[in-house]
Amino acid sequence: YQRRVHGGGWEIKGDGRVSSKTAWNLLGGYMEWDMDLSGVADGVNTNFYTSSPEKPNCGSACYCDIQAGNHPSCLELDFIENNGKCAGASTMHMFATDGKPNNANCDRWGCGSQLKYSTTKLHFKAEVGSDGSVKVYVNGAPNSNYSPFPSGASNQVVVQTMKRIGAVIESSQWFGWVPAENICPKGSAGGLGGSLVKVTNVKVKGVVVQGPQPTRC
């Protein structure tokens, strides 16, 4: 795979991931970015999310997310996961417990809201309230029809985690699971190698909790 990081973002061709060295407290702040999905193959998952490692981010050796696996479980805010060029979902995961239906204490299945796309050029803004609530805007429109709707306890996990260790950016491209499978073209693993996602104009409003001070806007 190929990864190219530039001043305001990155490109990933094939299977790959980038992450930030900096972890931010995003309470009362936001993350904002553009994604170009015009080169993304059908059925490929491209994304922009946060995870909250316990120590300053050192890459794959420090990786954590909400799912069980060969890594620690931690708060995972999937601001957007895309299915090819077709659709996306914003899904919040606060509790590292096995998924069960309609669990407002957002678990490994999560509390999600999906939408169909009408363009491949997308602007995202993910706002985190001081109360720990998360609202993601896609081309200016809120994608906030969460099912189930996150509980107060879920939001409190966000508040406590942001204050203590913050959240790092994670962004990857892979083939396996995608949201909105029932409304999008299937695709195949063979399409991943030539698939290209571009992320630009990344901006963060937050307070650095771990890692280096990034370039200011």
C-alpha atoms as a PDB file:
ATOM      1  CA  TYR A   1       0.000   0.000   0.000  1.00  0.00           C
ATOM      2  CA  GLN A   2       0.991   3.631  -0.279  1.00  0.00           C
ATOM      3  CA  ARG A   3       0.472   6.395   2.253  1.00  0.00           C
ATOM      4  CA  ARG A   4       1.272  10.029   1.604  1.00  0.00           C
ATOM      5  CA  VAL A   5       0.939  12.555   4.409  1.00  0.00           C
ATOM      6  CA  HIS A   6       0.878  16.239   3.470  1.00  0.00           C
ATOM      7  CA  GLY A   7       0.340  19.530   5.265  1.00  0.00           C
ATOM      8  CA  GLY A   8      -3.396  19.293   5.815  1.00  0.00           C
ATOM      9  CA  GLY A   9      -4.139  15.598   5.439  1.00  0.00           C
ATOM     10  CA  TRP A  10      -3.163  12.324   3.759  1.00  0.00           C
ATOM     11  CA  GLU A  11      -3.823   9.873   0.963  1.00  0.00           C
ATOM     12  CA  ILE A  12      -4.058   6.103   1.328  1.00  0.00           C
ATOM     13  CA  LYS A  13      -3.854   3.725  -1.641  1.00  0.00           C
ATOM     14  CA  GLY A  14      -4.674   0.118  -0.841  1.00  0.00           C
ATOM     15  CA  ASP A  15      -4.707  -1.291   2.682  1.00  0.00           C
ATOM     16  CA  GLY A  16      -3.289   1.227   5.160  1.00  0.00           C
ATOM     17  CA  ARG A  17      -3.719   3.491   8.163  1.00  0.00           C
ATOM     18  CA  VAL A  18      -2.527   6.842   9.486  1.00  0.00           C
ATOM     19  CA  SER A  19      -2.881   8.226  13.001  1.00  0.00           C
ATOM     20  CA  SER A  20      -1.969  11.361  14.929  1.00  0.00           C
ATOM     21  CA  LYS A  21       0.772  11.534  17.544  1.00  0.00           C
ATOM     22  CA  THR A  22      -1.314  14.124  19.381  1.00  0.00           C
ATOM     23  CA  ALA A  23      -4.303  13.327  21.606  1.00  0.00           C
ATOM     24  CA  TRP A  24      -6.808  16.132  22.193  1.00  0.00           C
ATOM     25  CA  ASN A  25      -9.524  16.842  24.709  1.00  0.00           C
ATOM     26  CA  LEU A  26     -12.305  17.619  22.229  1.00  0.00           C
ATOM     27  CA  LEU A  27     -14.973  18.702  24.743  1.00  0.00           C
ATOM     28  CA  GLY A  28     -16.506  21.906  23.385  1.00  0.00           C
ATOM     29  CA  GLY A  29     -14.412  21.479  20.239  1.00  0.00           C
ATOM     30  CA  TYR A  30     -14.466  19.665  16.922  1.00  0.00           C
ATOM     31  CA  MET A  31     -12.597  17.900  14.149  1.00  0.00           C
ATOM     32  CA  GLU A  32     -13.172  19.023  10.568  1.00  0.00           C
ATOM     33  CA  TRP A  33     -11.933  17.562   7.274  1.00  0.00           C
ATOM     34  CA  ASP A  34     -12.702  16.873   3.606  1.00  0.00           C
ATOM     35  CA  MET A  35     -12.769  13.446   1.976  1.00  0.00           C
ATOM     36  CA  ASP A  36     -12.572  12.648  -1.733  1.00  0.00           C
ATOM     37  CA  LEU A  37     -14.083   9.210  -2.376  1.00  0.00           C
ATOM     38  CA  SER A  38     -13.950   9.407  -6.184  1.00  0.00           C
ATOM     39  CA  GLY A  39     -11.092   6.877  -6.308  1.00  0.00           C
ATOM     40  CA  VAL A  40     -12.497   4.477  -3.696  1.00  0.00           C
ATOM     41  CA  ALA A  41     -13.583   1.027  -4.887  1.00  0.00           C
ATOM     42  CA  ASP A  42     -17.038  -0.445  -4.174  1.00  0.00           C
ATOM     43  CA  GLY A  43     -17.349  -2.107  -0.780  1.00  0.00           C
ATOM     44  CA  VAL A  44     -14.108  -0.632   0.604  1.00  0.00           C
ATOM     45  CA  ASN A  45     -14.193   0.875   4.114  1.00  0.00           C
ATOM     46  CA  THR A  46     -12.585   4.325   4.399  1.00  0.00           C
ATOM     47  CA  ASN A  47     -12.923   6.192   7.651  1.00  0.00           C
ATOM     48  CA  PHE A  48     -11.993   8.965  10.064  1.00  0.00           C
ATOM     49  CA  TYR A  49     -12.368   8.189  13.763  1.00  0.00           C
ATOM     50  CA  THR A  50     -10.784   8.639  17.159  1.00  0.00           C
ATOM     51  CA  SER A  51      -9.410   6.195  19.695  1.00  0.00           C
ATOM     52  CA  SER A  52      -8.042   6.879  23.166  1.00  0.00           C
ATOM     53  CA  PRO A  53      -4.794   5.057  23.986  1.00  0.00           C
ATOM     54  CA  GLU A  54      -3.595   5.199  27.584  1.00  0.00           C
ATOM     55  CA  LYS A  55      -0.146   6.536  26.617  1.00  0.00           C
ATOM     56  CA  PRO A  56       1.175   8.879  23.900  1.00  0.00           C
ATOM     57  CA  ASN A  57       0.438   7.352  20.507  1.00  0.00           C
ATOM     58  CA  CYS A  58       3.349   5.322  19.100  1.00  0.00           C
ATOM     59  CA  GLY A  59       1.532   3.851  16.118  1.00  0.00           C
ATOM     60  CA  SER A  60       0.496   0.217  15.704  1.00  0.00           C
ATOM     61  CA  ALA A  61       2.142  -0.876  18.976  1.00  0.00           C
ATOM     62  CA  CYS A  62      -0.108   1.546  20.898  1.00  0.00           C
ATOM     63  CA  TYR A  63      -3.281   0.893  18.920  1.00  0.00           C
ATOM     64  CA  CYS A  64      -6.595   0.453  20.694  1.00  0.00           C
ATOM     65  CA  ASP A  65     -10.259   0.538  19.734  1.00  0.00           C
ATOM     66  CA  ILE A  66     -13.546  -0.698  21.182  1.00  0.00           C
ATOM     67  CA  GLN A  67     -13.452  -4.181  19.665  1.00  0.00           C
ATOM     68  CA  ALA A  68     -12.009  -7.246  21.352  1.00  0.00           C
ATOM     69  CA  GLY A  69      -8.741  -8.406  19.794  1.00  0.00           C
ATOM     70  CA  ASN A  70      -4.974  -8.388  20.127  1.00  0.00           C
ATOM     71  CA  HIS A  71      -5.040  -4.838  21.449  1.00  0.00           C
ATOM     72  CA  PRO A  72      -6.562  -2.977  24.417  1.00  0.00           C
ATOM     73  CA  SER A  73     -10.191  -1.871  24.232  1.00  0.00           C
ATOM     74  CA  CYS A  74     -10.788   1.875  24.443  1.00  0.00           C
ATOM     75  CA  LEU A  75     -13.259   4.618  23.578  1.00  0.00           C
ATOM     76  CA  GLU A  76     -13.866   4.687  19.808  1.00  0.00           C
ATOM     77  CA  LEU A  77     -15.783   7.494  18.117  1.00  0.00           C
ATOM     78  CA  ASP A  78     -16.360   6.544  14.490  1.00  0.00           C
ATOM     79  CA  PHE A  79     -17.091   9.995  13.129  1.00  0.00           C
ATOM     80  CA  ILE A  80     -17.460   8.435   9.678  1.00  0.00           C
ATOM     81  CA  GLU A  81     -17.040   5.025   8.077  1.00  0.00           C
ATOM     82  CA  ASN A  82     -17.766   4.951   4.355  1.00  0.00           C
ATOM     83  CA  ASN A  83     -18.943   2.134   2.107  1.00  0.00           C
ATOM     84  CA  GLY A  84     -17.164   2.800  -1.191  1.00  0.00           C
ATOM     85  CA  LYS A  85     -18.579   5.982  -2.742  1.00  0.00           C
ATOM     86  CA  CYS A  86     -22.115   5.030  -1.747  1.00  0.00           C
ATOM     87  CA  ALA A  87     -22.938   5.736   1.907  1.00  0.00           C
ATOM     88  CA  GLY A  88     -21.506   6.365   5.352  1.00  0.00           C
ATOM     89  CA  ALA A  89     -22.268   5.870   9.034  1.00  0.00           C
ATOM     90  CA  SER A  90     -21.363   7.751  12.212  1.00  0.00           C
ATOM     91  CA  THR A  91     -21.181   5.270  15.099  1.00  0.00           C
ATOM     92  CA  MET A  92     -20.211   5.887  18.711  1.00  0.00           C
ATOM     93  CA  HIS A  93     -18.731   3.180  20.965  1.00  0.00           C
ATOM     94  CA  MET A  94     -18.277   4.069  24.631  1.00  0.00           C
ATOM     95  CA  PHE A  95     -18.554   0.753  26.486  1.00  0.00           C
ATOM     96  CA  ALA A  96     -16.243  -2.208  25.761  1.00  0.00           C
ATOM     97  CA  THR A  97     -19.056  -4.733  26.171  1.00  0.00           C
ATOM     98  CA  ASP A  98     -20.404  -7.245  23.662  1.00  0.00           C
ATOM     99  CA  GLY A  99     -23.040  -5.855  21.342  1.00  0.00           C
ATOM    100  CA  LYS A 100     -26.720  -6.266  22.128  1.00  0.00           C
ATOM    101  CA  PRO A 101     -29.768  -4.795  20.380  1.00  0.00           C
ATOM    102  CA  ASN A 102     -30.949  -1.303  21.273  1.00  0.00           C
ATOM    103  CA  ASN A 103     -28.277  -0.733  23.923  1.00  0.00           C
ATOM    104  CA  ALA A 104     -28.156   3.020  24.583  1.00  0.00           C
ATOM    105  CA  ASN A 105     -24.979   2.404  26.611  1.00  0.00           C
ATOM    106  CA  CYS A 106     -23.221   2.342  23.241  1.00  0.00           C
ATOM    107  CA  ASP A 107     -21.304  -0.950  23.083  1.00  0.00           C
ATOM    108  CA  ARG A 108     -19.185  -2.788  20.496  1.00  0.00           C
ATOM    109  CA  TRP A 109     -22.116  -2.671  18.061  1.00  0.00           C
ATOM    110  CA  GLY A 110     -22.448   1.016  18.823  1.00  0.00           C
ATOM    111  CA  CYS A 111     -25.023   3.762  18.442  1.00  0.00           C
ATOM    112  CA  GLY A 112     -25.101   4.685  14.771  1.00  0.00           C
ATOM    113  CA  SER A 113     -26.638   6.919  12.130  1.00  0.00           C
ATOM    114  CA  GLN A 114     -26.169   6.265   8.411  1.00  0.00           C
ATOM    115  CA  LEU A 115     -26.808   8.227   5.239  1.00  0.00           C
ATOM    116  CA  LYS A 116     -26.644   7.712   1.463  1.00  0.00           C
ATOM    117  CA  TYR A 117     -24.291   9.950  -0.523  1.00  0.00           C
ATOM    118  CA  SER A 118     -25.093  11.924  -3.668  1.00  0.00           C
ATOM    119  CA  THR A 119     -21.518  13.137  -4.238  1.00  0.00           C
ATOM    120  CA  THR A 120     -17.973  11.811  -3.801  1.00  0.00           C
ATOM    121  CA  LYS A 121     -16.626  15.112  -2.422  1.00  0.00           C
ATOM    122  CA  LEU A 122     -17.606  15.400   1.227  1.00  0.00           C
ATOM    123  CA  HIS A 123     -16.984  17.906   4.011  1.00  0.00           C
ATOM    124  CA  PHE A 124     -17.239  16.630   7.571  1.00  0.00           C
ATOM    125  CA  LYS A 125     -17.387  18.358  10.931  1.00  0.00           C
ATOM    126  CA  ALA A 126     -17.612  16.326  14.138  1.00  0.00           C
ATOM    127  CA  GLU A 127     -18.584  18.432  17.138  1.00  0.00           C
ATOM    128  CA  VAL A 128     -18.126  17.125  20.691  1.00  0.00           C
ATOM    129  CA  GLY A 129     -20.259  18.915  23.252  1.00  0.00           C
ATOM    130  CA  SER A 130     -19.035  19.819  26.712  1.00  0.00           C
ATOM    131  CA  ASP A 131     -21.541  17.154  27.881  1.00  0.00           C
ATOM    132  CA  GLY A 132     -19.826  14.458  25.780  1.00  0.00           C
ATOM    133  CA  SER A 133     -22.477  14.337  23.057  1.00  0.00           C
ATOM    134  CA  VAL A 134     -21.261  13.937  19.470  1.00  0.00           C
ATOM    135  CA  LYS A 135     -22.846  15.417  16.350  1.00  0.00           C
ATOM    136  CA  VAL A 136     -21.374  14.825  12.897  1.00  0.00           C
ATOM    137  CA  TYR A 137     -22.246  17.118   9.977  1.00  0.00           C
ATOM    138  CA  VAL A 138     -21.869  15.899   6.388  1.00  0.00           C
ATOM    139  CA  ASN A 139     -21.777  18.716   3.831  1.00  0.00           C
ATOM    140  CA  GLY A 140     -23.442  20.876   6.472  1.00  0.00           C
ATOM    141  CA  ALA A 141     -26.319  18.520   7.332  1.00  0.00           C
ATOM    142  CA  PRO A 142     -26.392  16.671  10.682  1.00  0.00           C
ATOM    143  CA  ASN A 143     -26.064  12.877  10.559  1.00  0.00           C
ATOM    144  CA  SER A 144     -27.563  12.435  14.012  1.00  0.00           C
ATOM    145  CA  ASN A 145     -30.437   9.958  13.688  1.00  0.00           C
ATOM    146  CA  TYR A 146     -28.695   7.647  16.138  1.00  0.00           C
ATOM    147  CA  SER A 147     -30.251   4.247  16.746  1.00  0.00           C
ATOM    148  CA  PRO A 148     -30.177   3.727  19.628  1.00  0.00           C
ATOM    149  CA  PHE A 149     -29.667   7.282  20.872  1.00  0.00           C
ATOM    150  CA  PRO A 150     -26.610   7.465  23.198  1.00  0.00           C
ATOM    151  CA  SER A 151     -27.431   7.488  26.910  1.00  0.00           C
ATOM    152  CA  GLY A 152     -26.224  10.052  29.411  1.00  0.00           C
ATOM    153  CA  ALA A 153     -23.902   7.373  30.762  1.00  0.00           C
ATOM    154  CA  SER A 154     -22.396   6.992  27.285  1.00  0.00           C
ATOM    155  CA  ASN A 155     -21.755  10.712  27.042  1.00  0.00           C
ATOM    156  CA  GLN A 156     -20.186  10.676  30.494  1.00  0.00           C
ATOM    157  CA  VAL A 157     -17.607   8.137  29.308  1.00  0.00           C
ATOM    158  CA  VAL A 158     -16.638  10.630  26.589  1.00  0.00           C
ATOM    159  CA  VAL A 159     -16.305  13.446  29.155  1.00  0.00           C
ATOM    160  CA  GLN A 160     -14.134  11.403  31.522  1.00  0.00           C
ATOM    161  CA  THR A 161     -11.932   9.967  28.765  1.00  0.00           C
ATOM    162  CA  MET A 162     -11.377  13.297  27.012  1.00  0.00           C
ATOM    163  CA  LYS A 163     -10.310  14.971  30.249  1.00  0.00           C
ATOM    164  CA  ARG A 164      -7.984  12.145  31.270  1.00  0.00           C
ATOM    165  CA  ILE A 165      -6.257  10.951  28.071  1.00  0.00           C
ATOM    166  CA  GLY A 166      -7.902  12.664  25.102  1.00  0.00           C
ATOM    167  CA  ALA A 167      -8.417  11.175  21.649  1.00  0.00           C
ATOM    168  CA  VAL A 168      -6.117  10.604  18.662  1.00  0.00           C
ATOM    169  CA  ILE A 169      -7.078  10.643  14.992  1.00  0.00           C
ATOM    170  CA  GLU A 170      -7.202   7.293  13.197  1.00  0.00           C
ATOM    171  CA  SER A 171      -7.926   6.933   9.488  1.00  0.00           C
ATOM    172  CA  SER A 172      -7.666   3.772   7.424  1.00  0.00           C
ATOM    173  CA  GLN A 173      -8.724   1.956   4.274  1.00  0.00           C
ATOM    174  CA  TRP A 174      -9.545  -1.750   4.349  1.00  0.00           C
ATOM    175  CA  PHE A 175     -11.878  -4.426   3.029  1.00  0.00           C
ATOM    176  CA  GLY A 176     -14.089  -6.524   5.295  1.00  0.00           C
ATOM    177  CA  TRP A 177     -17.001  -4.888   7.080  1.00  0.00           C
ATOM    178  CA  VAL A 178     -18.829  -1.814   5.759  1.00  0.00           C
ATOM    179  CA  PRO A 179     -21.999   0.010   6.838  1.00  0.00           C
ATOM    180  CA  ALA A 180     -25.122   0.221   4.668  1.00  0.00           C
ATOM    181  CA  GLU A 181     -24.418  -3.093   2.936  1.00  0.00           C
ATOM    182  CA  ASN A 182     -28.083  -3.431   1.977  1.00  0.00           C
ATOM    183  CA  ILE A 183     -28.099  -0.256  -0.160  1.00  0.00           C
ATOM    184  CA  CYS A 184     -24.618  -0.258  -1.737  1.00  0.00           C
ATOM    185  CA  PRO A 185     -22.712  -2.215  -4.418  1.00  0.00           C
ATOM    186  CA  LYS A 186     -20.889  -5.226  -2.985  1.00  0.00           C
ATOM    187  CA  GLY A 187     -17.335  -4.919  -4.300  1.00  0.00           C
ATOM    188  CA  SER A 188     -14.583  -7.449  -3.610  1.00  0.00           C
ATOM    189  CA  ALA A 189     -11.243  -7.694  -1.851  1.00  0.00           C
ATOM    190  CA  GLY A 190      -9.555  -7.447  -5.262  1.00  0.00           C
ATOM    191  CA  GLY A 191     -10.597  -3.818  -5.535  1.00  0.00           C
ATOM    192  CA  LEU A 192      -8.680  -2.715  -2.447  1.00  0.00           C
ATOM    193  CA  GLY A 193      -5.205  -2.511  -3.997  1.00  0.00           C
ATOM    194  CA  GLY A 194      -6.136   0.230  -6.450  1.00  0.00           C
ATOM    195  CA  SER A 195      -8.533   2.054  -4.149  1.00  0.00           C
ATOM    196  CA  LEU A 196      -7.500   5.624  -3.263  1.00  0.00           C
ATOM    197  CA  VAL A 197      -8.946   7.871  -0.558  1.00  0.00           C
ATOM    198  CA  LYS A 198      -7.874  11.492  -0.087  1.00  0.00           C
ATOM    199  CA  VAL A 199      -8.288  13.412   3.196  1.00  0.00           C
ATOM    200  CA  THR A 200      -7.557  17.150   3.172  1.00  0.00           C
ATOM    201  CA  ASN A 201      -8.037  20.345   5.184  1.00  0.00           C
ATOM    202  CA  VAL A 202      -7.926  18.601   8.574  1.00  0.00           C
ATOM    203  CA  LYS A 203      -8.536  21.008  11.465  1.00  0.00           C
ATOM    204  CA  VAL A 204      -8.898  20.290  15.171  1.00  0.00           C
ATOM    205  CA  LYS A 205     -10.255  22.541  17.881  1.00  0.00           C
ATOM    206  CA  GLY A 206      -9.218  20.982  21.178  1.00  0.00           C
ATOM    207  CA  VAL A 207      -6.733  20.973  24.032  1.00  0.00           C
ATOM    208  CA  VAL A 208      -3.617  18.797  23.748  1.00  0.00           C
ATOM    209  CA  VAL A 209      -3.624  16.128  26.484  1.00  0.00           C
ATOM    210  CA  GLN A 210      -0.868  13.791  25.219  1.00  0.00           C
ATOM    211  CA  GLY A 211       1.786  14.002  22.508  1.00  0.00           C
ATOM    212  CA  PRO A 212       3.332  16.945  20.671  1.00  0.00           C
ATOM    213  CA  GLN A 213       1.789  20.358  20.027  1.00  0.00           C
ATOM    214  CA  PRO A 214       0.646  20.316  16.385  1.00  0.00           C
ATOM    215  CA  THR A 215       0.909  23.185  13.922  1.00  0.00           C
ATOM    216  CA  ARG A 216      -1.637  25.890  14.693  1.00  0.00           C
ATOM    217  CA  CYS A 217      -4.053  27.097  12.033  1.00  0.00           C
END
